[in-house]
């Protein structure tokens, strides 16, 4: 993350992008809107991850691409699905070496609700992120993330490789979106982070731990989707958002490990393979002045200084 801040200040790196495919799907007969739904897959890259050594994994550490491709303009995104793939489209995962440690999409020139006054805020409003578990965000019917004609997107990517050979991969996003009149209600993304506006990493002791961060609500409304991210490293268990003002649990995002063969690494170890998410209309409602606390839960066999605890909520006013 420190390298991100240096890159933001320098504005040196531009993106390589390829659009894989577009499928249009008309709205159901008799629908109240005239919007059309499309599916588009966009690849960012290619990126060559260095080979692992005997002592460490190969690493592309928090790289920044400025002004990467959007799937559409003057549209509303209703679903976002991340992936890491090889050139032939097959999945790149820990069973063959590569890992999507994390990726972030941010909209340049849009104010970030929880990090607008920091150098990191120059990257723009962070509206989507994923780790190697590759959580899909899809909004309830009638809601979506608006993309304007002049919006510019930035991509932060951090990729690792445990194979002794370099690996060339692409970060891939599959979007569903709508165009036309009478589209969905806009949602606002809110980034909640144990190390808010810092490097997004923090320290945990050996054993069970529960680390907190509080958000003083400044984007009131209905939370219609929210999900979390923790690390395999440190044995991440879950991350939960609670409304400290009302006592309500908003969302408990729980991790699972090794659910399929591609999440078993080359040494036979299971990796974080999914995080549960909360999607409803609404999941919860928050008001100005309330306090939302995130609890990042680990059960680590050893102390670590490099874990994450992040949630992104999508709020309709």
Protein backbone atom coordinates (compact mmCIF):
# COMPACT_ATOMS: atom_id res chain seq x y z
CA UNK A 1 0.00 0.00 0.00
CA UNK A 2 2.87 2.40 0.62
CA UNK A 3 3.92 1.84 -2.98
CA UNK A 4 0.37 2.79 -4.01
CA UNK A 5 0.71 6.14 -2.31
CA UNK A 6 4.00 6.78 -4.06
CA UNK A 7 2.44 5.81 -7.38
CA UNK A 8 -0.59 8.02 -6.81
CA UNK A 9 1.62 11.00 -6.14
CA UNK A 10 3.74 10.31 -9.22
CA UNK A 11 0.86 9.25 -11.54
CA UNK A 12 3.26 7.15 -13.60
CA UNK A 13 1.50 3.93 -14.54
CA UNK A 14 -1.13 3.37 -17.25
CA UNK A 15 -3.26 0.28 -17.91
CA UNK A 16 -3.35 -2.47 -20.49
CA UNK A 17 -6.93 -3.65 -21.08
CA UNK A 18 -8.82 -6.07 -23.28
CA UNK A 19 -12.59 -6.53 -23.58
CA UNK A 20 -13.50 -10.21 -23.83
CA UNK A 21 -17.19 -10.25 -24.67
CA UNK A 22 -20.60 -8.60 -24.45
CA UNK A 23 -24.02 -10.25 -24.23
CA UNK A 24 -27.24 -8.23 -24.31
CA UNK A 25 -30.41 -9.38 -22.61
CA UNK A 26 -33.72 -7.54 -22.93
CA UNK A 27 -35.74 -6.67 -19.86
CA UNK A 28 -38.60 -9.08 -19.08
CA UNK A 29 -41.85 -8.52 -20.95
CA UNK A 30 -44.13 -6.15 -19.09
CA UNK A 31 -41.31 -4.67 -17.00
CA UNK A 32 -41.91 -1.16 -15.69
CA UNK A 33 -38.58 0.10 -17.08
CA UNK A 34 -37.13 0.24 -20.57
CA UNK A 35 -33.60 -0.69 -19.45
CA UNK A 36 -31.63 -3.41 -21.22
CA UNK A 37 -29.30 -5.74 -19.29
CA UNK A 38 -25.88 -6.63 -20.68
CA UNK A 39 -22.99 -8.84 -19.55
CA UNK A 40 -19.41 -7.81 -20.33
CA UNK A 41 -16.11 -9.38 -19.27
CA UNK A 42 -13.09 -7.06 -19.11
CA UNK A 43 -9.49 -8.20 -18.64
CA UNK A 44 -6.80 -6.03 -17.10
CA UNK A 45 -3.21 -6.96 -17.89
CA UNK A 46 -1.35 -9.00 -18.76
CA UNK A 47 0.78 -9.13 -15.57
CA UNK A 48 3.78 -11.43 -15.15
CA UNK A 49 4.30 -12.48 -11.53
CA UNK A 50 7.92 -13.37 -10.71
CA UNK A 51 8.83 -16.94 -9.80
CA UNK A 52 8.88 -17.97 -6.17
CA UNK A 53 12.23 -18.49 -4.47
CA UNK A 54 13.18 -21.03 -1.83
CA UNK A 55 12.34 -18.48 0.87
CA UNK A 56 9.49 -16.37 -0.49
CA UNK A 57 6.63 -16.18 -2.99
CA UNK A 58 6.96 -14.14 -6.17
CA UNK A 59 5.15 -10.83 -5.75
CA UNK A 60 3.75 -7.88 -7.68
CA UNK A 61 3.28 -5.60 -4.68
CA UNK A 62 0.37 -3.13 -4.80
CA UNK A 63 0.70 -1.91 -8.36
CA UNK A 64 -1.48 0.88 -9.70
CA UNK A 65 -3.02 1.19 -13.17
CA UNK A 66 -4.62 4.53 -13.89
CA UNK A 67 -7.71 5.02 -16.04
CA UNK A 68 -8.49 1.42 -16.83
CA UNK A 69 -11.42 0.34 -18.96
CA UNK A 70 -15.02 0.54 -17.76
CA UNK A 71 -17.62 -1.91 -19.07
CA UNK A 72 -19.95 0.95 -19.96
CA UNK A 73 -20.76 4.64 -19.55
CA UNK A 74 -24.05 6.25 -18.56
CA UNK A 75 -25.10 2.86 -17.20
CA UNK A 76 -25.84 1.08 -13.93
CA UNK A 77 -23.84 -1.95 -12.82
CA UNK A 78 -25.95 -4.60 -11.13
CA UNK A 79 -23.29 -7.31 -10.58
CA UNK A 80 -19.48 -7.49 -10.31
CA UNK A 81 -17.58 -10.81 -10.47
CA UNK A 82 -13.76 -10.90 -10.05
CA UNK A 83 -11.33 -13.54 -11.25
CA UNK A 84 -7.68 -14.21 -12.03
CA UNK A 85 -7.09 -16.08 -15.30
CA UNK A 86 -4.47 -17.23 -17.77
CA UNK A 87 -4.47 -16.06 -21.40
CA UNK A 88 -6.63 -19.02 -22.47
CA UNK A 89 -9.31 -18.08 -19.93
CA UNK A 90 -8.61 -20.89 -17.48
CA UNK A 91 -8.58 -19.96 -13.82
CA UNK A 92 -5.25 -19.04 -12.23
CA UNK A 93 -5.26 -20.09 -8.58
CA UNK A 94 -3.05 -21.49 -5.84
CA UNK A 95 -3.19 -25.04 -7.21
CA UNK A 96 -0.97 -23.87 -10.08
CA UNK A 97 0.84 -21.09 -8.23
CA UNK A 98 -0.82 -17.65 -8.67
CA UNK A 99 -2.89 -15.90 -6.02
CA UNK A 100 -5.07 -12.80 -6.29
CA UNK A 101 -3.87 -11.36 -3.00
CA UNK A 102 -6.16 -8.39 -3.54
CA UNK A 103 -7.49 -5.97 -6.14
CA UNK A 104 -9.37 -2.68 -5.80
CA UNK A 105 -11.36 -0.62 -8.30
CA UNK A 106 -11.74 3.10 -7.59
CA UNK A 107 -13.49 5.90 -9.46
CA UNK A 108 -11.16 8.87 -10.03
CA UNK A 109 -12.47 12.33 -9.05
CA UNK A 110 -15.22 10.77 -6.90
CA UNK A 111 -14.96 11.53 -3.17
CA UNK A 112 -14.35 8.50 -0.94
CA UNK A 113 -16.77 8.74 2.04
CA UNK A 114 -14.30 7.35 4.60
CA UNK A 115 -10.95 8.45 3.14
CA UNK A 116 -11.38 11.71 1.20
CA UNK A 117 -8.83 13.78 3.14
CA UNK A 118 -5.91 11.37 2.77
CA UNK A 119 -3.39 10.90 -0.05
CA UNK A 120 -4.99 7.51 -0.69
CA UNK A 121 -8.20 9.43 -1.47
CA UNK A 122 -6.56 10.71 -4.66
CA UNK A 123 -7.08 7.24 -6.12
CA UNK A 124 -10.81 8.02 -5.95
CA UNK A 125 -13.90 6.41 -4.47
CA UNK A 126 -13.17 2.74 -3.77
CA UNK A 127 -16.24 0.87 -5.02
CA UNK A 128 -15.13 -2.76 -5.35
CA UNK A 129 -12.44 -5.05 -3.93
CA UNK A 130 -11.65 -8.75 -3.82
CA UNK A 131 -9.09 -11.14 -2.44
CA UNK A 132 -8.33 -14.61 -3.73
CA UNK A 133 -11.74 -15.79 -2.50
CA UNK A 134 -13.18 -13.73 -5.39
CA UNK A 135 -16.49 -12.69 -3.81
CA UNK A 136 -19.20 -11.68 -6.28
CA UNK A 137 -21.27 -8.60 -5.46
CA UNK A 138 -24.75 -8.53 -6.98
CA UNK A 139 -27.36 -6.01 -5.92
CA UNK A 140 -31.02 -6.72 -5.18
CA UNK A 141 -33.44 -6.06 -8.02
CA UNK A 142 -33.92 -2.33 -8.48
CA UNK A 143 -30.46 -1.23 -7.27
CA UNK A 144 -27.08 -0.67 -8.91
CA UNK A 145 -23.82 1.26 -9.05
CA UNK A 146 -24.03 4.21 -11.47
CA UNK A 147 -21.23 4.83 -13.99
CA UNK A 148 -21.15 8.29 -15.56
CA UNK A 149 -19.96 9.30 -19.01
CA UNK A 150 -16.83 11.02 -17.65
CA UNK A 151 -15.99 8.57 -14.84
CA UNK A 152 -12.39 7.30 -14.89
CA UNK A 153 -11.43 4.11 -13.08
CA UNK A 154 -8.18 3.11 -11.38
CA UNK A 155 -7.06 -0.42 -10.53
CA UNK A 156 -4.84 -1.48 -7.63
CA UNK A 157 -3.59 -5.06 -7.88
CA UNK A 158 -1.42 -7.24 -5.66
CA UNK A 159 -0.54 -10.66 -7.08
CA UNK A 160 1.57 -13.51 -5.70
CA UNK A 161 3.04 -16.73 -7.07
CA UNK A 162 4.21 -19.84 -5.21
CA UNK A 163 5.44 -21.68 -8.33
CA UNK A 164 9.16 -21.73 -9.18
CA UNK A 165 8.28 -20.43 -12.66
CA UNK A 166 6.93 -16.94 -13.52
CA UNK A 167 3.21 -16.79 -14.26
CA UNK A 168 1.49 -14.43 -16.71
CA UNK A 169 -2.09 -13.67 -15.71
CA UNK A 170 -4.96 -11.24 -16.16
CA UNK A 171 -7.26 -9.69 -13.56
CA UNK A 172 -10.69 -10.31 -15.00
CA UNK A 173 -14.02 -8.67 -14.11
CA UNK A 174 -17.42 -9.77 -15.36
CA UNK A 175 -20.04 -7.04 -15.08
CA UNK A 176 -23.78 -7.08 -15.54
CA UNK A 177 -25.19 -3.64 -16.26
CA UNK A 178 -28.26 -1.85 -17.52
CA UNK A 179 -28.72 1.02 -19.93
CA UNK A 180 -31.81 2.94 -20.90
CA UNK A 181 -34.39 4.94 -19.01
CA UNK A 182 -35.94 4.25 -15.64
CA UNK A 183 -32.94 2.34 -14.36
CA UNK A 184 -32.16 1.07 -10.85
CA UNK A 185 -31.75 3.23 -7.74
CA UNK A 186 -28.13 4.28 -7.27
CA UNK A 187 -26.06 2.85 -4.41
CA UNK A 188 -23.09 4.55 -2.76
CA UNK A 189 -20.10 2.36 -1.79
CA UNK A 190 -18.61 2.83 1.69
CA UNK A 191 -15.20 1.28 2.51
CA UNK A 192 -14.77 0.10 6.11
CA UNK A 193 -11.22 -0.91 7.08
CA UNK A 194 -9.43 -1.81 10.31
CA UNK A 195 -6.52 0.32 9.04
CA UNK A 196 -8.70 2.95 7.41
CA UNK A 197 -6.79 5.29 5.06
CA UNK A 198 -3.53 3.53 5.92
CA UNK A 199 -1.85 0.52 4.34
CA UNK A 200 -4.91 -1.71 5.02
CA UNK A 201 -2.71 -4.07 7.06
CA UNK A 202 -2.56 -4.45 10.82
CA UNK A 203 -1.03 -6.67 13.49
CA UNK A 204 -2.60 -9.56 15.41
CA UNK A 205 -1.31 -11.64 18.32
CA UNK A 206 -1.06 -15.42 18.37
CA UNK A 207 -4.36 -17.06 19.21
CA UNK A 208 -7.86 -15.65 18.94
CA UNK A 209 -8.21 -11.90 18.37
CA UNK A 210 -11.00 -9.40 17.70
CA UNK A 211 -9.85 -6.02 16.34
CA UNK A 212 -12.28 -3.11 15.97
CA UNK A 213 -12.71 0.01 13.84
CA UNK A 214 -15.63 2.43 14.14
CA UNK A 215 -17.38 4.34 11.35
CA UNK A 216 -19.28 7.47 12.34
CA UNK A 217 -22.06 7.19 9.74
CA UNK A 218 -21.86 9.93 7.11
CA UNK A 219 -23.72 8.09 4.33
CA UNK A 220 -27.20 7.38 5.73
CA UNK A 221 -29.69 5.06 4.08
CA UNK A 222 -30.49 1.43 3.33
CA UNK A 223 -27.58 -1.01 3.14
CA UNK A 224 -28.57 -3.37 0.30
CA UNK A 225 -25.30 -5.31 -0.08
CA UNK A 226 -22.20 -5.77 2.10
CA UNK A 227 -19.36 -8.28 2.24
CA UNK A 228 -15.97 -8.73 3.86
CA UNK A 229 -12.34 -9.72 3.32
CA UNK A 230 -9.85 -11.34 5.69
CA UNK A 231 -6.59 -13.20 5.05
CA UNK A 232 -5.71 -16.86 4.79
CA UNK A 233 -2.44 -15.76 6.40
CA UNK A 234 -3.34 -15.48 10.08
CA UNK A 235 -6.26 -17.91 9.70
CA UNK A 236 -8.94 -15.29 9.16
CA UNK A 237 -12.28 -16.43 10.56
CA UNK A 238 -14.81 -13.68 9.87
CA UNK A 239 -15.54 -9.97 9.83
CA UNK A 240 -18.76 -8.50 11.21
CA UNK A 241 -20.39 -5.08 11.04
CA UNK A 242 -22.57 -4.05 13.97
CA UNK A 243 -24.59 -0.90 14.65
CA UNK A 244 -23.23 0.12 18.04
CA UNK A 245 -25.99 2.70 18.44
CA UNK A 246 -28.88 0.24 18.04
CA UNK A 247 -27.13 -3.02 18.96
CA UNK A 248 -28.02 -4.59 15.60
CA UNK A 249 -25.69 -7.01 13.81
CA UNK A 250 -25.64 -5.76 10.22
CA UNK A 251 -23.64 -8.52 8.51
CA UNK A 252 -21.44 -11.40 9.63
CA UNK A 253 -19.12 -12.31 6.74
CA UNK A 254 -17.61 -15.74 7.41
CA UNK A 255 -14.67 -17.38 5.66
CA UNK A 256 -14.38 -20.98 4.40
CA UNK A 257 -11.24 -22.83 3.30
CA UNK A 258 -10.32 -25.30 0.54
CA UNK A 259 -13.83 -25.81 -0.83
CA UNK A 260 -12.55 -26.92 -4.24
CA UNK A 261 -9.33 -28.35 -5.65
CA UNK A 262 -8.15 -25.01 -7.04
CA UNK A 263 -8.03 -23.65 -3.47
CA UNK A 264 -5.61 -26.37 -2.32
CA UNK A 265 -2.10 -25.05 -2.93
CA UNK A 266 0.90 -26.84 -4.44
CA UNK A 267 1.92 -28.06 -0.97
CA UNK A 268 -1.51 -29.44 -0.14
CA UNK A 269 -2.61 -26.55 2.13
CA UNK A 270 -6.17 -25.17 1.95
CA UNK A 271 -6.63 -21.44 1.26
CA UNK A 272 -9.52 -19.09 1.94
CA UNK A 273 -12.03 -19.96 -0.77
CA UNK A 274 -15.14 -17.91 0.05
CA UNK A 275 -16.59 -15.21 2.29
CA UNK A 276 -20.32 -15.01 2.92
CA UNK A 277 -22.03 -11.73 2.05
CA UNK A 278 -25.30 -10.05 2.99
CA UNK A 279 -27.67 -8.93 0.23
CA UNK A 280 -31.26 -7.81 0.90
CA UNK A 281 -33.63 -4.88 0.50
CA UNK A 282 -32.52 -3.78 2.98
CA UNK A 283 -29.88 -5.63 4.97
CA UNK A 284 -30.04 -2.80 7.51
CA UNK A 285 -30.66 0.94 7.74
CA UNK A 286 -28.14 3.43 9.13
CA UNK A 287 -28.59 7.08 10.08
CA UNK A 288 -26.27 10.07 10.36
CA UNK A 289 -24.45 10.13 13.70
CA UNK A 290 -24.79 6.41 14.39
CA UNK A 291 -21.67 4.31 14.94
CA UNK A 292 -21.02 1.17 12.89
CA UNK A 293 -18.22 -1.04 14.23
CA UNK A 294 -16.39 -3.70 12.24
CA UNK A 295 -14.96 -6.68 14.15
CA UNK A 296 -12.13 -8.50 12.36
CA UNK A 297 -11.73 -11.99 13.85
CA UNK A 298 -8.61 -14.16 13.50
CA UNK A 299 -7.29 -17.30 15.16
CA UNK A 300 -3.62 -17.28 14.26
CA UNK A 301 -1.03 -19.88 15.30
CA UNK A 302 1.51 -17.04 15.46
CA UNK A 303 1.63 -13.26 15.74
CA UNK A 304 1.45 -11.46 12.38
CA UNK A 305 1.75 -7.88 11.18
CA UNK A 306 0.21 -8.22 7.71
CA UNK A 307 -3.48 -9.17 7.96
CA UNK A 308 -6.48 -7.27 6.66
CA UNK A 309 -10.03 -6.67 7.83
CA UNK A 310 -12.20 -4.90 5.25
CA UNK A 311 -15.91 -4.59 4.45
CA UNK A 312 -17.59 -2.66 1.63
CA UNK A 313 -21.20 -1.66 2.09
CA UNK A 314 -23.50 -0.34 -0.66
CA UNK A 315 -26.06 2.18 0.56
CA UNK A 316 -29.15 3.58 -1.13
CA UNK A 317 -30.40 6.90 0.22
